[in-house]
């Protein structure tokens, strides 16, 4: 499965240059991991509003770097949480964690994180 829109990433690389491009991607990877942890904590507390806010932020960050699968999943979960359709379940959080891991791994495999 492709988790990334390589056209978006290649366009960013061309526009920003390697140093800025790799720095931005590393920052997003760190944010993804922090946001995932924060989402788990807020879900455990039952704070749907904060979960939705975190998912919205994750969606935006993922979309900005062409991580379309992660952005789409975060958007779906955000919509469900905001509508009251459902609180974040362990299964939803696991799907989010797996998609985040796969996205980061594809960034690494594809060379979009540079040689750090």
PDB file of N, CA and C in Angstrom:
ATOM      1  N   UNK A   1       0.846  -1.190   0.000  1.00  0.00           N
ATOM      2  CA  UNK A   1       0.000   0.000   0.000  1.00  0.00           C
ATOM      3  C   UNK A   1       0.883   1.242   0.000  1.00  0.00           C
ATOM      4  N   UNK A   2       0.501   2.229  -0.778  1.00  0.00           N
ATOM      5  CA  UNK A   2       1.203   3.510  -0.772  1.00  0.00           C
ATOM      6  C   UNK A   2       0.549   4.433   0.241  1.00  0.00           C
ATOM      7  N   UNK A   3       1.374   4.969   1.120  1.00  0.00           N
ATOM      8  CA  UNK A   3       0.890   5.884   2.137  1.00  0.00           C
ATOM      9  C   UNK A   3       1.175   7.336   1.765  1.00  0.00           C
ATOM     10  N   UNK A   4       2.024   7.530   0.755  1.00  0.00           N
ATOM     11  CA  UNK A   4       2.505   8.873   0.428  1.00  0.00           C
ATOM     12  C   UNK A   4       2.141   9.276  -0.992  1.00  0.00           C
ATOM     13  N   UNK A   5       1.919  10.556  -1.171  1.00  0.00           N
ATOM     14  CA  UNK A   5       1.790  11.134  -2.494  1.00  0.00           C
ATOM     15  C   UNK A   5       3.174  11.667  -2.853  1.00  0.00           C
ATOM     16  N   UNK A   6       3.873  10.907  -3.669  1.00  0.00           N
ATOM     17  CA  UNK A   6       5.260  11.260  -4.014  1.00  0.00           C
ATOM     18  C   UNK A   6       5.335  12.545  -4.832  1.00  0.00           C
ATOM     19  N   UNK A   7       4.293  12.868  -5.576  1.00  0.00           N
ATOM     20  CA  UNK A   7       4.293  14.128  -6.328  1.00  0.00           C
ATOM     21  C   UNK A   7       4.356  15.313  -5.372  1.00  0.00           C
ATOM     22  N   UNK A   8       3.596  15.239  -4.282  1.00  0.00           N
ATOM     23  CA  UNK A   8       3.626  16.306  -3.282  1.00  0.00           C
ATOM     24  C   UNK A   8       5.016  16.391  -2.660  1.00  0.00           C
ATOM     25  N   UNK A   9       5.558  15.254  -2.257  1.00  0.00           N
ATOM     26  CA  UNK A   9       6.882  15.246  -1.629  1.00  0.00           C
ATOM     27  C   UNK A   9       7.970  15.721  -2.584  1.00  0.00           C
ATOM     28  N   UNK A  10       7.933  15.263  -3.820  1.00  0.00           N
ATOM     29  CA  UNK A  10       8.938  15.701  -4.787  1.00  0.00           C
ATOM     30  C   UNK A  10       8.826  17.195  -5.073  1.00  0.00           C
ATOM     31  N   UNK A  11       7.604  17.699  -5.105  1.00  0.00           N
ATOM     32  CA  UNK A  11       7.402  19.140  -5.284  1.00  0.00           C
ATOM     33  C   UNK A  11       7.950  19.938  -4.124  1.00  0.00           C
ATOM     34  N   UNK A  12       7.727  19.438  -2.908  1.00  0.00           N
ATOM     35  CA  UNK A  12       8.282  20.114  -1.731  1.00  0.00           C
ATOM     36  C   UNK A  12       9.803  20.091  -1.749  1.00  0.00           C
ATOM     37  N   UNK A  13      10.374  18.956  -2.120  1.00  0.00           N
ATOM     38  CA  UNK A  13      11.828  18.832  -2.185  1.00  0.00           C
ATOM     39  C   UNK A  13      12.403  19.843  -3.168  1.00  0.00           C
ATOM     40  N   UNK A  14      11.766  19.939  -4.308  1.00  0.00           N
ATOM     41  CA  UNK A  14      12.236  20.891  -5.326  1.00  0.00           C
ATOM     42  C   UNK A  14      12.087  22.331  -4.851  1.00  0.00           C
ATOM     43  N   UNK A  15      10.976  22.637  -4.222  1.00  0.00           N
ATOM     44  CA  UNK A  15      10.708  24.015  -3.788  1.00  0.00           C
ATOM     45  C   UNK A  15      11.571  24.436  -2.605  1.00  0.00           C
ATOM     46  N   UNK A  16      11.822  23.503  -1.683  1.00  0.00           N
ATOM     47  CA  UNK A  16      12.501  23.858  -0.435  1.00  0.00           C
ATOM     48  C   UNK A  16      14.002  23.610  -0.447  1.00  0.00           C
ATOM     49  N   UNK A  17      14.448  22.686  -1.267  1.00  0.00           N
ATOM     50  CA  UNK A  17      15.840  22.252  -1.197  1.00  0.00           C
ATOM     51  C   UNK A  17      15.967  21.158  -0.148  1.00  0.00           C
ATOM     52  N   UNK A  18      17.033  20.380  -0.246  1.00  0.00           N
ATOM     53  CA  UNK A  18      17.177  19.203   0.600  1.00  0.00           C
ATOM     54  C   UNK A  18      17.197  19.511   2.097  1.00  0.00           C
ATOM     55  N   UNK A  19      17.980  20.490   2.518  1.00  0.00           N
ATOM     56  CA  UNK A  19      18.136  20.742   3.958  1.00  0.00           C
ATOM     57  C   UNK A  19      16.793  21.067   4.614  1.00  0.00           C
ATOM     58  N   UNK A  20      16.065  22.008   4.056  1.00  0.00           N
ATOM     59  CA  UNK A  20      14.774  22.392   4.637  1.00  0.00           C
ATOM     60  C   UNK A  20      13.747  21.269   4.505  1.00  0.00           C
ATOM     61  N   UNK A  21      13.754  20.591   3.366  1.00  0.00           N
ATOM     62  CA  UNK A  21      12.823  19.500   3.138  1.00  0.00           C
ATOM     63  C   UNK A  21      13.000  18.402   4.185  1.00  0.00           C
ATOM     64  N   UNK A  22      14.236  17.966   4.389  1.00  0.00           N
ATOM     65  CA  UNK A  22      14.490  16.897   5.356  1.00  0.00           C
ATOM     66  C   UNK A  22      14.185  17.358   6.778  1.00  0.00           C
ATOM     67  N   UNK A  23      14.479  18.598   7.089  1.00  0.00           N
ATOM     68  CA  UNK A  23      14.176  19.123   8.423  1.00  0.00           C
ATOM     69  C   UNK A  23      12.671  19.142   8.672  1.00  0.00           C
ATOM     70  N   UNK A  24      11.911  19.587   7.690  1.00  0.00           N
ATOM     71  CA  UNK A  24      10.451  19.617   7.828  1.00  0.00           C
ATOM     72  C   UNK A  24       9.904  18.206   8.013  1.00  0.00           C
ATOM     73  N   UNK A  25      10.384  17.273   7.229  1.00  0.00           N
ATOM     74  CA  UNK A  25       9.893  15.895   7.357  1.00  0.00           C
ATOM     75  C   UNK A  25      10.252  15.294   8.706  1.00  0.00           C
ATOM     76  N   UNK A  26      11.448  15.557   9.208  1.00  0.00           N
ATOM     77  CA  UNK A  26      11.826  15.056  10.536  1.00  0.00           C
ATOM     78  C   UNK A  26      10.928  15.668  11.608  1.00  0.00           C
ATOM     79  N   UNK A  27      10.643  16.948  11.474  1.00  0.00           N
ATOM     80  CA  UNK A  27       9.757  17.618  12.430  1.00  0.00           C
ATOM     81  C   UNK A  27       8.370  16.989  12.403  1.00  0.00           C
ATOM     82  N   UNK A  28       7.837  16.729  11.218  1.00  0.00           N
ATOM     83  CA  UNK A  28       6.525  16.095  11.120  1.00  0.00           C
ATOM     84  C   UNK A  28       6.528  14.704  11.734  1.00  0.00           C
ATOM     85  N   UNK A  29       7.585  13.937  11.512  1.00  0.00           N
ATOM     86  CA  UNK A  29       7.658  12.594  12.094  1.00  0.00           C
ATOM     87  C   UNK A  29       7.622  12.687  13.617  1.00  0.00           C
ATOM     88  N   UNK A  30       8.380  13.608  14.183  1.00  0.00           N
ATOM     89  CA  UNK A  30       8.369  13.789  15.638  1.00  0.00           C
ATOM     90  C   UNK A  30       6.992  14.217  16.115  1.00  0.00           C
ATOM     91  N   UNK A  31       6.345  15.107  15.371  1.00  0.00           N
ATOM     92  CA  UNK A  31       5.002  15.554  15.741  1.00  0.00           C
ATOM     93  C   UNK A  31       4.001  14.416  15.656  1.00  0.00           C
ATOM     94  N   UNK A  32       4.087  13.598  14.599  1.00  0.00           N
ATOM     95  CA  UNK A  32       3.177  12.458  14.466  1.00  0.00           C
ATOM     96  C   UNK A  32       3.248  11.597  15.719  1.00  0.00           C
ATOM     97  N   UNK A  33       4.462  11.302  16.154  1.00  0.00           N
ATOM     98  CA  UNK A  33       4.646  10.424  17.311  1.00  0.00           C
ATOM     99  C   UNK A  33       4.101  11.058  18.589  1.00  0.00           C
ATOM    100  N   UNK A  34       4.364  12.348  18.772  1.00  0.00           N
ATOM    101  CA  UNK A  34       3.830  13.056  19.950  1.00  0.00           C
ATOM    102  C   UNK A  34       2.309  13.131  19.906  1.00  0.00           C
ATOM    103  N   UNK A  35       1.771  13.420  18.730  1.00  0.00           N
ATOM    104  CA  UNK A  35       0.315  13.537  18.604  1.00  0.00           C
ATOM    105  C   UNK A  35      -0.364  12.193  18.848  1.00  0.00           C
ATOM    106  N   UNK A  36       0.233  11.140  18.376  1.00  0.00           N
ATOM    107  CA  UNK A  36      -0.320   9.814  18.600  1.00  0.00           C
ATOM    108  C   UNK A  36      -0.363   9.498  20.093  1.00  0.00           C
ATOM    109  N   UNK A  37       0.709   9.798  20.795  1.00  0.00           N
ATOM    110  CA  UNK A  37       0.755   9.568  22.240  1.00  0.00           C
ATOM    111  C   UNK A  37      -0.276  10.442  22.968  1.00  0.00           C
ATOM    112  N   UNK A  38      -0.361  11.700  22.577  1.00  0.00           N
ATOM    113  CA  UNK A  38      -1.334  12.612  23.199  1.00  0.00           C
ATOM    114  C   UNK A  38      -2.761  12.136  22.929  1.00  0.00           C
ATOM    115  N   UNK A  39      -3.004  11.650  21.740  1.00  0.00           N
ATOM    116  CA  UNK A  39      -4.340  11.153  21.393  1.00  0.00           C
ATOM    117  C   UNK A  39      -4.705   9.964  22.284  1.00  0.00           C
ATOM    118  N   UNK A  40      -3.759   9.067  22.481  1.00  0.00           N
ATOM    119  CA  UNK A  40      -3.997   7.916  23.368  1.00  0.00           C
ATOM    120  C   UNK A  40      -4.329   8.382  24.795  1.00  0.00           C
ATOM    121  N   UNK A  41      -3.577   9.352  25.286  1.00  0.00           N
ATOM    122  CA  UNK A  41      -3.792   9.848  26.646  1.00  0.00           C
ATOM    123  C   UNK A  41      -5.162  10.505  26.786  1.00  0.00           C
ATOM    124  N   UNK A  42      -5.524  11.330  25.812  1.00  0.00           N
ATOM    125  CA  UNK A  42      -6.821  12.017  25.890  1.00  0.00           C
ATOM    126  C   UNK A  42      -7.979  11.039  25.735  1.00  0.00           C
ATOM    127  N   UNK A  43      -7.810  10.041  24.893  1.00  0.00           N
ATOM    128  CA  UNK A  43      -8.857   9.026  24.735  1.00  0.00           C
ATOM    129  C   UNK A  43      -9.044   8.273  26.050  1.00  0.00           C
ATOM    130  N   UNK A  44      -7.941   7.960  26.725  1.00  0.00           N
ATOM    131  CA  UNK A  44      -8.022   7.258  28.009  1.00  0.00           C
ATOM    132  C   UNK A  44      -8.749   8.106  29.047  1.00  0.00           C
ATOM    133  N   UNK A  45      -8.628   9.429  28.934  1.00  0.00           N
ATOM    134  CA  UNK A  45      -9.316  10.349  29.853  1.00  0.00           C
ATOM    135  C   UNK A  45     -10.757  10.603  29.433  1.00  0.00           C
ATOM    136  N   UNK A  46     -11.100  10.174  28.215  1.00  0.00           N
ATOM    137  CA  UNK A  46     -12.457  10.412  27.718  1.00  0.00           C
ATOM    138  C   UNK A  46     -12.675  11.817  27.198  1.00  0.00           C
ATOM    139  N   UNK A  47     -11.592  12.527  26.863  1.00  0.00           N
ATOM    140  CA  UNK A  47     -11.692  13.903  26.385  1.00  0.00           C
ATOM    141  C   UNK A  47     -11.832  13.923  24.860  1.00  0.00           C
ATOM    142  N   UNK A  48     -13.057  13.780  24.383  1.00  0.00           N
ATOM    143  CA  UNK A  48     -13.327  13.716  22.946  1.00  0.00           C
ATOM    144  C   UNK A  48     -12.959  15.007  22.233  1.00  0.00           C
ATOM    145  N   UNK A  49     -13.196  16.129  22.874  1.00  0.00           N
ATOM    146  CA  UNK A  49     -12.885  17.417  22.261  1.00  0.00           C
ATOM    147  C   UNK A  49     -11.389  17.539  21.975  1.00  0.00           C
ATOM    148  N   UNK A  50     -10.573  17.176  22.937  1.00  0.00           N
ATOM    149  CA  UNK A  50      -9.123  17.252  22.756  1.00  0.00           C
ATOM    150  C   UNK A  50      -8.657  16.204  21.747  1.00  0.00           C
ATOM    151  N   UNK A  51      -9.256  15.029  21.754  1.00  0.00           N
ATOM    152  CA  UNK A  51      -8.933  14.008  20.741  1.00  0.00           C
ATOM    153  C   UNK A  51      -9.206  14.552  19.347  1.00  0.00           C
ATOM    154  N   UNK A  52     -10.336  15.195  19.160  1.00  0.00           N
ATOM    155  CA  UNK A  52     -10.688  15.750  17.858  1.00  0.00           C
ATOM    156  C   UNK A  52      -9.696  16.827  17.442  1.00  0.00           C
ATOM    157  N   UNK A  53      -9.276  17.656  18.385  1.00  0.00           N
ATOM    158  CA  UNK A  53      -8.305  18.711  18.080  1.00  0.00           C
ATOM    159  C   UNK A  53      -6.972  18.105  17.638  1.00  0.00           C
ATOM    160  N   UNK A  54      -6.526  17.083  18.333  1.00  0.00           N
ATOM    161  CA  UNK A  54      -5.269  16.414  17.984  1.00  0.00           C
ATOM    162  C   UNK A  54      -5.383  15.753  16.617  1.00  0.00           C
ATOM    163  N   UNK A  55      -6.487  15.086  16.366  1.00  0.00           N
ATOM    164  CA  UNK A  55      -6.698  14.441  15.064  1.00  0.00           C
ATOM    165  C   UNK A  55      -6.723  15.468  13.940  1.00  0.00           C
ATOM    166  N   UNK A  56      -7.305  16.626  14.198  1.00  0.00           N
ATOM    167  CA  UNK A  56      -7.337  17.694  13.201  1.00  0.00           C
ATOM    168  C   UNK A  56      -5.916  18.160  12.880  1.00  0.00           C
ATOM    169  N   UNK A  57      -5.118  18.331  13.891  1.00  0.00           N
ATOM    170  CA  UNK A  57      -3.728  18.748  13.706  1.00  0.00           C
ATOM    171  C   UNK A  57      -2.927  17.683  12.955  1.00  0.00           C
ATOM    172  N   UNK A  58      -3.134  16.434  13.322  1.00  0.00           N
ATOM    173  CA  UNK A  58      -2.458  15.323  12.651  1.00  0.00           C
ATOM    174  C   UNK A  58      -2.858  15.280  11.174  1.00  0.00           C
ATOM    175  N   UNK A  59      -4.128  15.463  10.914  1.00  0.00           N
ATOM    176  CA  UNK A  59      -4.632  15.482   9.533  1.00  0.00           C
ATOM    177  C   UNK A  59      -3.938  16.568   8.721  1.00  0.00           C
ATOM    178  N   UNK A  60      -3.845  17.755   9.277  1.00  0.00           N
ATOM    179  CA  UNK A  60      -3.214  18.868   8.565  1.00  0.00           C
ATOM    180  C   UNK A  60      -1.741  18.643   8.307  1.00  0.00           C
ATOM    181  N   UNK A  61      -1.021  18.190   9.323  1.00  0.00           N
ATOM    182  CA  UNK A  61       0.403  17.937   9.160  1.00  0.00           C
ATOM    183  C   UNK A  61       0.670  16.852   8.141  1.00  0.00           C
ATOM    184  N   UNK A  62      -0.103  15.793   8.203  1.00  0.00           N
ATOM    185  CA  UNK A  62       0.063  14.686   7.262  1.00  0.00           C
ATOM    186  C   UNK A  62      -0.242  15.155   5.834  1.00  0.00           C
ATOM    187  N   UNK A  63      -1.294  15.909   5.682  1.00  0.00           N
ATOM    188  CA  UNK A  63      -1.652  16.409   4.363  1.00  0.00           C
ATOM    189  C   UNK A  63      -0.587  17.319   3.782  1.00  0.00           C
ATOM    190  N   UNK A  64       0.036  18.120   4.628  1.00  0.00           N
ATOM    191  CA  UNK A  64       1.060  19.052   4.165  1.00  0.00           C
ATOM    192  C   UNK A  64       2.265  18.354   3.555  1.00  0.00           C
ATOM    193  N   UNK A  65       2.574  17.155   4.014  1.00  0.00           N
ATOM    194  CA  UNK A  65       3.744  16.466   3.466  1.00  0.00           C
ATOM    195  C   UNK A  65       3.356  15.315   2.534  1.00  0.00           C
ATOM    196  N   UNK A  66       2.116  15.264   2.138  1.00  0.00           N
ATOM    197  CA  UNK A  66       1.701  14.240   1.180  1.00  0.00           C
ATOM    198  C   UNK A  66       1.437  12.878   1.785  1.00  0.00           C
ATOM    199  N   UNK A  67       1.270  12.806   3.102  1.00  0.00           N
ATOM    200  CA  UNK A  67       0.947  11.533   3.773  1.00  0.00           C
ATOM    201  C   UNK A  67      -0.577  11.361   3.734  1.00  0.00           C
ATOM    202  N   UNK A  68      -1.075  11.075   2.548  1.00  0.00           N
ATOM    203  CA  UNK A  68      -2.513  11.126   2.294  1.00  0.00           C
ATOM    204  C   UNK A  68      -3.314  10.055   3.035  1.00  0.00           C
ATOM    205  N   UNK A  69      -2.771   8.867   3.181  1.00  0.00           N
ATOM    206  CA  UNK A  69      -3.503   7.813   3.883  1.00  0.00           C
ATOM    207  C   UNK A  69      -3.690   8.180   5.342  1.00  0.00           C
ATOM    208  N   UNK A  70      -2.625   8.678   5.970  1.00  0.00           N
ATOM    209  CA  UNK A  70      -2.701   9.102   7.364  1.00  0.00           C
ATOM    210  C   UNK A  70      -3.651  10.287   7.513  1.00  0.00           C
ATOM    211  N   UNK A  71      -3.577  11.236   6.598  1.00  0.00           N
ATOM    212  CA  UNK A  71      -4.475  12.396   6.649  1.00  0.00           C
ATOM    213  C   UNK A  71      -5.933  11.967   6.532  1.00  0.00           C
ATOM    214  N   UNK A  72      -6.213  11.038   5.630  1.00  0.00           N
ATOM    215  CA  UNK A  72      -7.597  10.579   5.431  1.00  0.00           C
ATOM    216  C   UNK A  72      -8.119   9.843   6.660  1.00  0.00           C
ATOM    217  N   UNK A  73      -7.286   8.999   7.255  1.00  0.00           N
ATOM    218  CA  UNK A  73      -7.714   8.280   8.456  1.00  0.00           C
ATOM    219  C   UNK A  73      -7.954   9.253   9.607  1.00  0.00           C
ATOM    220  N   UNK A  74      -7.039  10.193   9.805  1.00  0.00           N
ATOM    221  CA  UNK A  74      -7.210  11.180  10.875  1.00  0.00           C
ATOM    222  C   UNK A  74      -8.489  11.989  10.658  1.00  0.00           C
ATOM    223  N   UNK A  75      -8.785  12.333   9.404  1.00  0.00           N
ATOM    224  CA  UNK A  75     -10.007  13.083   9.102  1.00  0.00           C
ATOM    225  C   UNK A  75     -11.248  12.259   9.432  1.00  0.00           C
ATOM    226  N   UNK A  76     -11.247  11.000   9.060  1.00  0.00           N
ATOM    227  CA  UNK A  76     -12.383  10.120   9.351  1.00  0.00           C
ATOM    228  C   UNK A  76     -12.601  10.000  10.849  1.00  0.00           C
ATOM    229  N   UNK A  77     -11.519   9.761  11.587  1.00  0.00           N
ATOM    230  CA  UNK A  77     -11.641   9.622  13.042  1.00  0.00           C
ATOM    231  C   UNK A  77     -12.067  10.936  13.683  1.00  0.00           C
ATOM    232  N   UNK A  78     -11.518  12.052  13.205  1.00  0.00           N
ATOM    233  CA  UNK A  78     -11.910  13.360  13.737  1.00  0.00           C
ATOM    234  C   UNK A  78     -13.410  13.578  13.548  1.00  0.00           C
ATOM    235  N   UNK A  79     -13.898  13.276  12.354  1.00  0.00           N
ATOM    236  CA  UNK A  79     -15.321  13.472  12.054  1.00  0.00           C
ATOM    237  C   UNK A  79     -16.189  12.614  12.976  1.00  0.00           C
ATOM    238  N   UNK A  80     -15.789  11.361  13.192  1.00  0.00           N
ATOM    239  CA  UNK A  80     -16.554  10.472  14.071  1.00  0.00           C
ATOM    240  C   UNK A  80     -16.570  10.980  15.505  1.00  0.00           C
ATOM    241  N   UNK A  81     -15.419  11.434  15.971  1.00  0.00           N
ATOM    242  CA  UNK A  81     -15.326  11.918  17.352  1.00  0.00           C
ATOM    243  C   UNK A  81     -16.119  13.214  17.521  1.00  0.00           C
ATOM    244  N   UNK A  82     -15.983  14.154  16.578  1.00  0.00           N
ATOM    245  CA  UNK A  82     -16.698  15.440  16.679  1.00  0.00           C
ATOM    246  C   UNK A  82     -18.210  15.266  16.607  1.00  0.00           C
ATOM    247  N   UNK A  83     -18.660  14.320  15.811  1.00  0.00           N
ATOM    248  CA  UNK A  83     -20.105  14.120  15.645  1.00  0.00           C
ATOM    249  C   UNK A  83     -20.722  13.389  16.831  1.00  0.00           C
ATOM    250  N   UNK A  84     -19.878  12.848  17.688  1.00  0.00           N
ATOM    251  CA  UNK A  84     -20.377  12.061  18.798  1.00  0.00           C
ATOM    252  C   UNK A  84     -20.735  10.651  18.373  1.00  0.00           C
ATOM    253  N   UNK A  85     -20.433  10.337  17.119  1.00  0.00           N
ATOM    254  CA  UNK A  85     -20.718   9.012  16.572  1.00  0.00           C
ATOM    255  C   UNK A  85     -19.991   7.936  17.377  1.00  0.00           C
ATOM    256  N   UNK A  86     -18.785   8.293  17.826  1.00  0.00           N
ATOM    257  CA  UNK A  86     -18.046   7.331  18.629  1.00  0.00           C
ATOM    258  C   UNK A  86     -16.880   8.020  19.318  1.00  0.00           C
ATOM    259  N   UNK A  87     -16.520   7.483  20.460  1.00  0.00           N
ATOM    260  CA  UNK A  87     -15.280   7.896  21.112  1.00  0.00           C
ATOM    261  C   UNK A  87     -14.173   7.075  20.466  1.00  0.00           C
ATOM    262  N   UNK A  88     -12.945   7.517  20.642  1.00  0.00           N
ATOM    263  CA  UNK A  88     -11.830   6.748  20.083  1.00  0.00           C
ATOM    264  C   UNK A  88     -11.700   5.428  20.820  1.00  0.00           C
ATOM    265  N   UNK A  89     -11.814   4.357  20.094  1.00  0.00           N
ATOM    266  CA  UNK A  89     -11.684   3.024  20.685  1.00  0.00           C
ATOM    267  C   UNK A  89     -10.237   2.560  20.548  1.00  0.00           C
ATOM    268  N   UNK A  90      -9.905   1.495  21.260  1.00  0.00           N
ATOM    269  CA  UNK A  90      -8.571   0.915  21.136  1.00  0.00           C
ATOM    270  C   UNK A  90      -8.297   0.504  19.691  1.00  0.00           C
ATOM    271  N   UNK A  91      -9.293  -0.030  19.012  1.00  0.00           N
ATOM    272  CA  UNK A  91      -9.116  -0.447  17.613  1.00  0.00           C
ATOM    273  C   UNK A  91      -8.821   0.752  16.714  1.00  0.00           C
ATOM    274  N   UNK A  92      -9.509   1.857  16.942  1.00  0.00           N
ATOM    275  CA  UNK A  92      -9.253   3.068  16.153  1.00  0.00           C
ATOM    276  C   UNK A  92      -7.850   3.591  16.414  1.00  0.00           C
ATOM    277  N   UNK A  93      -7.460   3.615  17.679  1.00  0.00           N
ATOM    278  CA  UNK A  93      -6.126   4.086  18.036  1.00  0.00           C
ATOM    279  C   UNK A  93      -5.050   3.179  17.462  1.00  0.00           C
ATOM    280  N   UNK A  94      -5.312   1.880  17.446  1.00  0.00           N
ATOM    281  CA  UNK A  94      -4.344   0.944  16.872  1.00  0.00           C
ATOM    282  C   UNK A  94      -4.231   1.156  15.368  1.00  0.00           C
ATOM    283  N   UNK A  95      -5.346   1.394  14.688  1.00  0.00           N
ATOM    284  CA  UNK A  95      -5.302   1.677  13.250  1.00  0.00           C
ATOM    285  C   UNK A  95      -4.516   2.957  12.977  1.00  0.00           C
ATOM    286  N   UNK A  96      -4.716   3.965  13.812  1.00  0.00           N
ATOM    287  CA  UNK A  96      -3.984   5.227  13.679  1.00  0.00           C
ATOM    288  C   UNK A  96      -2.495   5.003  13.917  1.00  0.00           C
ATOM    289  N   UNK A  97      -2.161   4.235  14.942  1.00  0.00           N
ATOM    290  CA  UNK A  97      -0.751   3.938  15.248  1.00  0.00           C
ATOM    291  C   UNK A  97      -0.103   3.169  14.098  1.00  0.00           C
ATOM    292  N   UNK A  98      -0.796   2.169  13.580  1.00  0.00           N
ATOM    293  CA  UNK A  98      -0.246   1.370  12.478  1.00  0.00           C
ATOM    294  C   UNK A  98      -0.039   2.216  11.228  1.00  0.00           C
ATOM    295  N   UNK A  99      -1.001   3.050  10.923  1.00  0.00           N
ATOM    296  CA  UNK A  99      -0.883   3.907   9.740  1.00  0.00           C
ATOM    297  C   UNK A  99       0.242   4.913   9.922  1.00  0.00           C
ATOM    298  N   UNK A 100       0.387   5.447  11.123  1.00  0.00           N
ATOM    299  CA  UNK A 100       1.489   6.373  11.404  1.00  0.00           C
ATOM    300  C   UNK A 100       2.827   5.663  11.217  1.00  0.00           C
ATOM    301  N   UNK A 101       2.964   4.469  11.777  1.00  0.00           N
ATOM    302  CA  UNK A 101       4.222   3.707  11.641  1.00  0.00           C
ATOM    303  C   UNK A 101       4.520   3.391  10.179  1.00  0.00           C
ATOM    304  N   UNK A 102       3.523   2.949   9.447  1.00  0.00           N
ATOM    305  CA  UNK A 102       3.728   2.611   8.037  1.00  0.00           C
ATOM    306  C   UNK A 102       4.099   3.846   7.213  1.00  0.00           C
ATOM    307  N   UNK A 103       3.485   4.968   7.537  1.00  0.00           N
ATOM    308  CA  UNK A 103       3.800   6.219   6.840  1.00  0.00           C
ATOM    309  C   UNK A 103       5.246   6.616   7.085  1.00  0.00           C
ATOM    310  N   UNK A 104       5.666   6.587   8.336  1.00  0.00           N
ATOM    311  CA  UNK A 104       7.046   6.943   8.681  1.00  0.00           C
ATOM    312  C   UNK A 104       8.022   5.974   8.018  1.00  0.00           C
ATOM    313  N   UNK A 105       7.690   4.699   8.026  1.00  0.00           N
ATOM    314  CA  UNK A 105       8.562   3.704   7.384  1.00  0.00           C
ATOM    315  C   UNK A 105       8.664   3.959   5.883  1.00  0.00           C
ATOM    316  N   UNK A 106       7.564   4.309   5.247  1.00  0.00           N
ATOM    317  CA  UNK A 106       7.621   4.601   3.813  1.00  0.00           C
ATOM    318  C   UNK A 106       8.444   5.861   3.546  1.00  0.00           C
ATOM    319  N   UNK A 107       8.330   6.857   4.418  1.00  0.00           N
ATOM    320  CA  UNK A 107       9.180   8.047   4.282  1.00  0.00           C
ATOM    321  C   UNK A 107      10.650   7.650   4.333  1.00  0.00           C
ATOM    322  N   UNK A 108      10.995   6.789   5.283  1.00  0.00           N
ATOM    323  CA  UNK A 108      12.391   6.335   5.418  1.00  0.00           C
ATOM    324  C   UNK A 108      12.839   5.538   4.189  1.00  0.00           C
ATOM    325  N   UNK A 109      12.059   4.531   3.830  1.00  0.00           N
ATOM    326  CA  UNK A 109      12.412   3.674   2.687  1.00  0.00           C
ATOM    327  C   UNK A 109      12.562   4.470   1.398  1.00  0.00           C
ATOM    328  N   UNK A 110      11.754   5.488   1.258  1.00  0.00           N
ATOM    329  CA  UNK A 110      11.748   6.269   0.018  1.00  0.00           C
ATOM    330  C   UNK A 110      12.813   7.355   0.008  1.00  0.00           C
ATOM    331  N   UNK A 111      13.543   7.511   1.108  1.00  0.00           N
ATOM    332  CA  UNK A 111      14.609   8.509   1.170  1.00  0.00           C
ATOM    333  C   UNK A 111      14.138   9.909   1.479  1.00  0.00           C
ATOM    334  N   UNK A 112      12.879  10.046   1.897  1.00  0.00           N
ATOM    335  CA  UNK A 112      12.341  11.383   2.174  1.00  0.00           C
ATOM    336  C   UNK A 112      12.706  11.908   3.561  1.00  0.00           C
ATOM    337  N   UNK A 113      13.444  11.125   4.318  1.00  0.00           N
ATOM    338  CA  UNK A 113      13.920  11.603   5.619  1.00  0.00           C
ATOM    339  C   UNK A 113      15.432  11.870   5.602  1.00  0.00           C
ATOM    340  N   UNK A 114      16.051  11.666   4.469  1.00  0.00           N
ATOM    341  CA  UNK A 114      17.477  11.933   4.355  1.00  0.00           C
ATOM    342  C   UNK A 114      18.303  10.903   5.085  1.00  0.00           C
ATOM    343  N   UNK A 115      19.534  11.251   5.359  1.00  0.00           N
ATOM    344  CA  UNK A 115      20.487  10.310   5.967  1.00  0.00           C
ATOM    345  C   UNK A 115      20.788  10.675   7.404  1.00  0.00           C
ATOM    346  N   UNK A 116      19.797  10.779   8.218  1.00  0.00           N
ATOM    347  CA  UNK A 116      20.011  11.078   9.646  1.00  0.00           C
ATOM    348  C   UNK A 116      20.158   9.826  10.424  1.00  0.00           C
TER     349      UNK A 116
END
